[in-house]
Protein backbone atom coordinates (compact mmCIF):
# COMPACT_ATOMS: atom_id res chain seq x y z
CA MET A 1 0.36 -0.31 0.27
CA SER A 2 0.85 3.35 -0.51
CA GLY A 3 -0.32 7.22 -0.51
CA PHE A 4 -3.86 7.39 1.27
CA ARG A 5 -3.95 4.04 1.85
CA SER A 6 -0.67 3.80 3.74
CA MET A 7 -1.30 6.30 6.38
CA HIS A 8 -2.59 6.11 9.99
CA PRO A 9 -6.03 4.12 10.13
CA SER A 10 -7.37 7.28 11.99
CA VAL A 11 -6.80 9.50 9.30
CA ALA A 12 -9.04 7.88 7.09
CA VAL A 13 -12.28 7.41 9.62
CA VAL A 14 -11.78 11.30 10.48
CA TYR A 15 -11.77 12.18 6.85
CA TYR A 16 -14.40 10.27 5.43
CA ALA A 17 -16.63 10.94 8.73
CA GLY A 18 -16.18 14.29 8.60
CA LEU A 19 -16.82 14.09 4.84
CA LEU A 20 -20.50 12.26 5.39
CA LEU A 21 -20.83 14.77 7.87
CA PHE A 22 -20.44 18.18 5.84
CA THR A 23 -22.33 15.84 3.12
CA LEU A 24 -25.66 15.64 5.81
CA LEU A 25 -24.89 19.53 6.94
CA LEU A 26 -23.95 21.53 3.41
CA PHE A 27 -27.08 21.73 1.14
CA HIS A 28 -25.10 23.76 -1.87
CA PRO A 29 -24.11 21.73 -5.26
CA VAL A 30 -21.33 23.88 -5.46
CA PHE A 31 -20.01 21.76 -2.59
CA LEU A 32 -21.44 18.88 -3.19
CA LEU A 33 -20.27 18.19 -6.46
CA THR A 34 -16.51 19.15 -5.41
CA GLU A 35 -16.51 15.76 -2.82
CA ILE A 36 -18.11 14.11 -5.47
CA LEU A 37 -14.94 15.19 -7.88
CA ALA A 38 -12.61 15.32 -4.86
CA LEU A 39 -13.63 11.38 -3.85
CA LEU A 40 -13.48 10.17 -7.67
CA GLY A 41 -10.22 11.90 -8.37
CA LEU A 42 -8.95 10.03 -5.25
CA MET A 43 -10.33 6.49 -6.50
CA LEU A 44 -8.78 6.67 -9.92
CA LEU A 45 -5.20 7.46 -8.34
CA GLN A 46 -5.21 5.01 -6.22
CA GLY A 47 -6.21 2.41 -9.68
CA GLN A 48 -9.95 1.57 -9.03
CA GLY A 49 -11.17 3.49 -12.27
CA ARG A 50 -12.94 0.18 -13.26
CA ARG A 51 -14.89 -0.29 -10.15
CA ILE A 52 -15.63 3.20 -10.37
CA ALA A 53 -17.67 2.37 -13.81
CA GLY A 54 -18.83 -0.98 -12.13
CA SER A 55 -20.43 0.44 -9.58
CA LEU A 56 -21.69 3.46 -10.34
CA GLY A 57 -24.73 2.71 -12.23
CA PHE A 58 -25.75 1.28 -9.35
CA GLY A 59 -25.74 4.18 -7.36
CA LEU A 60 -27.13 6.04 -10.03
CA ILE A 61 -30.38 3.45 -10.24
CA VAL A 62 -30.94 4.44 -6.62
CA ALA A 63 -30.29 8.41 -7.16
CA VAL A 64 -32.30 8.91 -10.11
CA PRO A 65 -35.59 7.92 -8.66
CA ALA A 66 -35.17 11.03 -6.34
CA ALA A 67 -35.05 13.46 -8.79
CA LEU A 68 -37.96 12.03 -10.93
CA LEU A 69 -40.32 11.17 -8.05
CA ASN A 70 -39.76 14.56 -5.85
CA PRO A 71 -41.33 16.87 -7.99
CA LEU A 72 -44.34 14.48 -8.42
CA PHE A 73 -45.31 13.74 -4.71
CA SER A 74 -44.43 18.04 -3.95
CA HIS A 75 -46.06 20.53 -5.27
CA ARG A 76 -44.21 23.04 -2.65
CA GLY A 77 -42.91 26.64 -4.17
CA ALA A 78 -43.98 29.60 -5.87
CA VAL A 79 -42.83 28.72 -9.74
CA ILE A 80 -44.67 26.44 -11.71
CA LEU A 81 -43.56 25.05 -14.63
CA PHE A 82 -45.92 22.78 -16.08
CA TYR A 83 -48.92 20.43 -15.00
CA PHE A 84 -48.69 16.75 -14.62
CA LEU A 85 -51.97 14.94 -13.67
CA ASP A 86 -53.77 17.93 -13.17
CA GLN A 87 -51.13 18.50 -10.36
CA PRO A 88 -48.60 21.19 -10.39
CA ILE A 89 -44.92 20.63 -11.33
CA THR A 90 -43.20 23.30 -9.46
CA LEU A 91 -39.50 24.43 -9.94
CA GLU A 92 -38.44 24.12 -6.06
CA ALA A 93 -39.63 20.80 -6.22
CA VAL A 94 -37.80 19.64 -9.58
CA LEU A 95 -34.40 21.54 -8.22
CA TYR A 96 -35.22 20.20 -4.63
CA GLY A 97 -34.82 16.17 -6.15
CA LEU A 98 -31.93 16.87 -8.14
CA MET A 99 -30.29 17.95 -5.18
CA MET A 100 -31.36 14.82 -3.38
CA MET A 101 -29.85 12.99 -6.40
CA VAL A 102 -26.58 15.10 -5.64
CA VAL A 103 -26.56 14.29 -1.95
CA LEU A 104 -27.50 10.35 -2.52
CA ILE A 105 -24.33 9.83 -5.46
CA ALA A 106 -22.27 11.83 -3.25
CA VAL A 107 -22.87 9.42 -0.01
CA PHE A 108 -22.60 6.46 -2.80
CA VAL A 109 -19.61 7.56 -4.27
CA LEU A 110 -17.95 7.97 -0.27
CA PHE A 111 -18.72 4.92 1.12
CA LEU A 112 -17.12 3.26 -2.31
CA SER A 113 -14.17 5.06 -1.54
CA TYR A 114 -14.03 4.16 2.15
CA ASN A 115 -14.67 0.28 1.36
CA TYR A 116 -11.23 0.46 -0.28
CA THR A 117 -9.30 2.73 1.79
CA VAL A 118 -10.26 1.65 5.34
CA THR A 119 -10.25 -2.36 4.68
CA PRO A 120 -11.39 -4.33 7.77
CA ASP A 121 -8.40 -4.52 9.67
CA LYS A 122 -7.91 -1.15 10.05
CA PHE A 123 -11.17 -0.93 11.21
CA MET A 124 -10.79 -3.59 13.73
CA TYR A 125 -7.82 -2.19 14.73
CA LEU A 126 -9.23 1.61 15.89
CA PHE A 127 -12.26 0.22 17.57
CA ALA A 128 -12.11 -3.32 18.76
CA SER A 129 -10.15 -2.84 21.55
CA ALA A 130 -11.99 -0.76 23.06
CA ALA A 131 -15.39 -1.91 21.86
CA PRO A 132 -15.02 -5.24 20.59
CA LYS A 133 -18.96 -6.52 19.91
CA SER A 134 -20.00 -2.94 18.66
CA ALA A 135 -17.01 -2.85 16.20
CA LEU A 136 -17.58 -6.25 15.02
CA ILE A 137 -21.47 -5.69 14.16
CA THR A 138 -20.42 -2.57 12.57
CA LEU A 139 -18.06 -3.98 9.95
CA MET A 140 -20.17 -6.88 9.39
CA THR A 141 -23.05 -4.45 8.37
CA LEU A 142 -20.84 -2.54 5.93
CA ARG A 143 -20.33 -6.34 4.20
CA PHE A 144 -24.02 -7.34 3.88
CA VAL A 145 -24.43 -5.01 0.56
CA PRO A 146 -21.75 -6.64 -1.25
CA LEU A 147 -22.03 -9.65 0.38
CA PHE A 148 -25.67 -10.14 -0.51
CA GLN A 149 -25.30 -9.06 -4.01
CA ARG A 150 -22.70 -11.63 -4.78
CA ARG A 151 -24.43 -14.15 -3.19
CA LEU A 152 -27.75 -13.40 -5.03
CA ARG A 153 -25.85 -13.27 -8.43
CA ARG A 154 -24.52 -17.32 -7.31
CA ILE A 155 -28.01 -17.86 -6.29
CA ALA A 156 -29.98 -16.71 -9.65
CA GLN A 157 -27.23 -18.58 -11.85
CA ILE A 158 -27.85 -21.96 -10.27
CA GLN A 159 -31.59 -21.20 -10.21
CA ALA A 160 -31.60 -20.36 -13.56
CA ALA A 161 -30.66 -24.01 -14.43
CA ARG A 162 -34.25 -25.40 -12.90
CA GLY A 163 -35.84 -22.92 -14.89
CA VAL A 164 -35.77 -20.63 -12.15
CA SER A 165 -35.75 -16.50 -13.15
CA VAL A 166 -36.97 -13.05 -12.45
CA ARG A 167 -36.32 -11.98 -16.26
CA GLU A 168 -38.58 -14.50 -17.81
CA GLY A 169 -42.55 -15.15 -18.13
CA SER A 170 -45.60 -13.64 -16.28
CA LEU A 171 -45.24 -10.82 -13.95
CA ARG A 172 -46.61 -13.51 -11.23
CA SER A 173 -44.05 -15.67 -12.58
CA ARG A 174 -41.63 -13.59 -11.94
CA MET A 175 -42.72 -12.45 -8.81
CA SER A 176 -42.94 -16.07 -7.53
CA ASP A 177 -39.46 -16.55 -8.52
CA GLY A 178 -37.91 -13.76 -7.04
CA MET A 179 -39.48 -14.78 -3.84
CA THR A 180 -37.80 -17.99 -4.36
CA LEU A 181 -34.45 -16.48 -4.78
CA LEU A 182 -35.22 -14.22 -2.01
CA LYS A 183 -35.85 -17.15 0.55
CA THR A 184 -32.52 -18.85 -0.78
CA LEU A 185 -30.56 -15.92 0.33
CA LEU A 186 -32.21 -15.16 3.86
CA THR A 187 -31.82 -19.04 4.70
CA TRP A 188 -28.16 -19.43 3.42
CA SER A 189 -27.35 -15.80 5.14
CA LEU A 190 -29.12 -17.06 8.44
CA GLU A 191 -27.47 -20.14 8.72
CA GLU A 192 -24.09 -18.80 8.17
CA ALA A 193 -24.46 -15.86 10.70
CA LEU A 194 -25.23 -18.81 13.49
CA GLN A 195 -22.49 -20.71 12.60
CA THR A 196 -20.56 -17.76 12.98
CA ALA A 197 -21.76 -16.90 16.06
CA ASP A 198 -20.89 -20.31 17.34
CA SER A 199 -17.47 -20.34 16.03
CA MET A 200 -17.03 -17.12 17.69
CA LYS A 201 -18.51 -18.12 20.98
CA ALA A 202 -16.25 -20.92 20.78
CA ARG A 203 -13.25 -19.47 20.34
CA GLY A 204 -13.71 -16.86 23.39
CA TYR A 205 -14.38 -13.72 21.33
CA GLY A 206 -14.53 -10.82 23.13
CA ILE A 207 -13.39 -12.26 26.65
CA HIS A 208 -10.40 -10.95 26.48
CA ARG A 209 -8.75 -7.66 25.33
CA ARG A 210 -8.00 -8.10 21.33
CA THR A 211 -5.32 -8.11 19.56
CA SER A 212 -3.96 -6.96 16.32
CA TYR A 213 -1.80 -8.42 14.24
CA ALA A 214 -1.09 -5.10 12.43
CA VAL A 215 0.81 -2.46 14.55
CA TYR A 216 0.24 1.22 12.57
CA ARG A 217 2.61 4.00 14.59
CA LEU A 218 0.78 7.73 14.72
CA GLU A 219 4.12 9.59 12.22
CA ARG A 220 5.02 12.96 11.20
CA ARG A 221 3.06 12.94 8.22
CA ASP A 222 -0.22 11.65 9.36
CA ILE A 223 -0.09 14.60 12.42
CA ARG A 224 0.56 16.85 10.03
CA VAL A 225 -2.51 15.83 7.40
CA LEU A 226 -4.84 15.49 10.62
CA ALA A 227 -3.82 19.03 11.43
CA GLY A 228 -4.82 20.07 7.46
CA LEU A 229 -8.07 18.08 8.30
CA GLY A 230 -8.66 20.07 11.31
CA ALA A 231 -8.29 23.56 10.25
CA GLY A 232 -10.40 22.47 7.02
CA ALA A 233 -13.04 21.27 9.33
CA LEU A 234 -13.18 23.84 11.54
CA GLY A 235 -13.12 26.15 8.54
CA THR A 236 -15.85 24.54 7.03
CA LEU A 237 -18.24 24.37 10.84
CA TRP A 238 -17.85 27.59 10.94
CA GLY A 239 -19.09 28.98 7.73
CA TRP A 240 -21.77 26.29 8.42
CA SER A 241 -22.92 28.32 11.49
CA GLN A 242 -22.56 31.36 9.61
CA GLY A 243 -25.93 30.32 7.95
CA TYR A 244 -23.59 29.73 4.47
CA GLY A 245 -22.88 26.61 2.00
CA MET A 246 -26.58 26.07 1.95
CA LEU A 247 -29.23 26.78 -0.76
CA MET A 248 -32.64 28.28 -0.08
CA LEU A 249 -35.46 26.28 -2.12
CA TYR A 250 -38.52 26.40 0.00
CA PRO A 251 -40.80 28.14 0.04
CA ARG A 252 -39.28 30.04 -2.72
CA LEU A 253 -36.12 29.66 -4.31
CA LYS A 254 -33.50 32.23 -3.35
CA PRO A 255 -30.61 33.24 -6.19
CA PRO A 256 -27.38 32.07 -4.63
CA MET A 257 -25.35 35.15 -3.58
CA PHE A 258 -21.36 33.58 -3.13
CA THR A 259 -19.91 36.03 -0.76
CA TRP A 260 -16.28 36.17 0.55
CA GLN A 261 -17.21 34.72 3.75
CA GLU A 262 -18.39 32.00 1.76
CA ALA A 263 -15.71 32.14 -0.86
CA ALA A 264 -13.58 31.23 2.67
CA MET A 265 -15.59 28.51 3.69
CA TYR A 266 -15.46 26.79 0.24
CA ALA A 267 -11.83 27.41 0.51
CA ALA A 268 -11.62 25.44 3.64
CA PHE A 269 -14.20 22.53 2.74
CA CYS A 270 -11.50 22.09 -0.52
CA LEU A 271 -9.28 21.53 1.74
CA PHE A 272 -10.52 18.69 4.04
CA ALA A 273 -11.54 17.42 0.74
CA ALA A 274 -8.66 17.40 -1.59
CA LEU A 275 -5.94 16.74 1.12
CA PRO A 276 -5.89 12.98 0.28
CA LEU A 277 -6.11 13.33 -3.51
CA TRP A 278 -3.14 15.90 -2.80
CA VAL A 279 -0.98 12.95 -1.01
CA GLU A 280 -1.94 10.34 -3.38
CA GLY A 281 -0.77 12.52 -5.93
CA LYS A 282 2.27 13.82 -4.92
CA GLU A 283 3.12 9.98 -4.08
CA LYS A 284 2.39 9.08 -7.70
CA TRP A 285 4.70 11.98 -8.98
CA LEU A 286 7.72 11.03 -6.01
CA TRP A 287 7.52 7.06 -7.03
CA ARG A 288 7.80 7.97 -10.80
CA SER A 289 10.55 10.66 -10.32
CA SER A 290 12.54 8.55 -8.42
CA ALA A 291 11.80 5.70 -10.99
CA ARG A 292 13.30 7.64 -14.06
CA MET A 293 16.43 9.29 -11.89
CA SER A 294 17.15 5.66 -10.97
CA CYS A 295 16.49 4.05 -14.86
CA PRO A 296 19.63 4.94 -16.80
CA SER A 297 18.51 6.87 -19.99
CA SER A 298 20.35 4.01 -21.98
CA ILE A 299 18.22 1.55 -20.56
CA ARG A 300 14.90 4.28 -21.04
CA GLY A 301 15.86 4.46 -24.64
CA LYS A 302 15.96 0.84 -25.63
CA LYS A 303 12.86 -0.22 -27.64
CA GLY A 304 10.32 -2.10 -25.74
CA LEU A 305 11.38 -0.79 -22.24
CA HIS A 306 9.18 1.92 -20.90
CA TRP A 307 8.31 2.87 -17.53
CA THR A 308 4.48 1.77 -16.62
CA GLY A 309 3.58 3.54 -13.52
CA TYR A 310 2.86 2.44 -9.94
CA HIS A 311 0.07 0.50 -9.64
CA SER A 312 -1.08 0.55 -6.17
CA GLN A 313 -2.18 -3.28 -3.86
């Protein structure tokens, strides 16, 4: 591991916890889009482009309906765009739905980056000694969604050989087949949970203080990054306490005014959101620079030999 992943686990936990807090507090498209771009840039530098492409579609499936359904159910607002089934579709409701879509995408990308950076052993290292049972339950909860997705795909592939499929047949038959797949998934998961609980109880989990095979030291660079994150967080929280970073939509859309105070708050937020991006980019640049300096020019000039860059594990 290198870059941001190689730092002390507390740095990553502080970063992602702060971003989650700001996602819930700040309701402004500029701040939310900046957060999404910073997280996507960090994942791209970490070599997670394929993971983004494979997972972002699922996030859009969850987020896009929020933008479409909110104007249909909420008719608050002063500016009426048109009528749909005798119900007014207001500009404020449309904008609010779009904002909720951006919030959901930000939360999805945040947890996508978190799951790659904060590995289970790092999470257990930080919290298992103080609260072993709570830490284990939290860790297991975070892994349920990807685990259930993998299991459901395996179950669907096996049941398809028996003619059980949710993609073919009438609506009633597909619903029946879907319930069969769900029943199999729940039975499998509950049975494995019981086996895991019995195994952990037999091995005495939680009786004594938990030890960890990995030892992380808080180095100077970790302290410097934590100080930068703290400065950015304090500046952002100060601006939020003054009422900045909020887009007023109801009852009437208030035109956004980006004052110098809000600009200062945005600079502090950029410091917080983009600091790991700078750490990762600096690590990549130093690695490539040292590799070029260590490789003689006569070797670099030969045909077929070139630097391919560093790929993090």
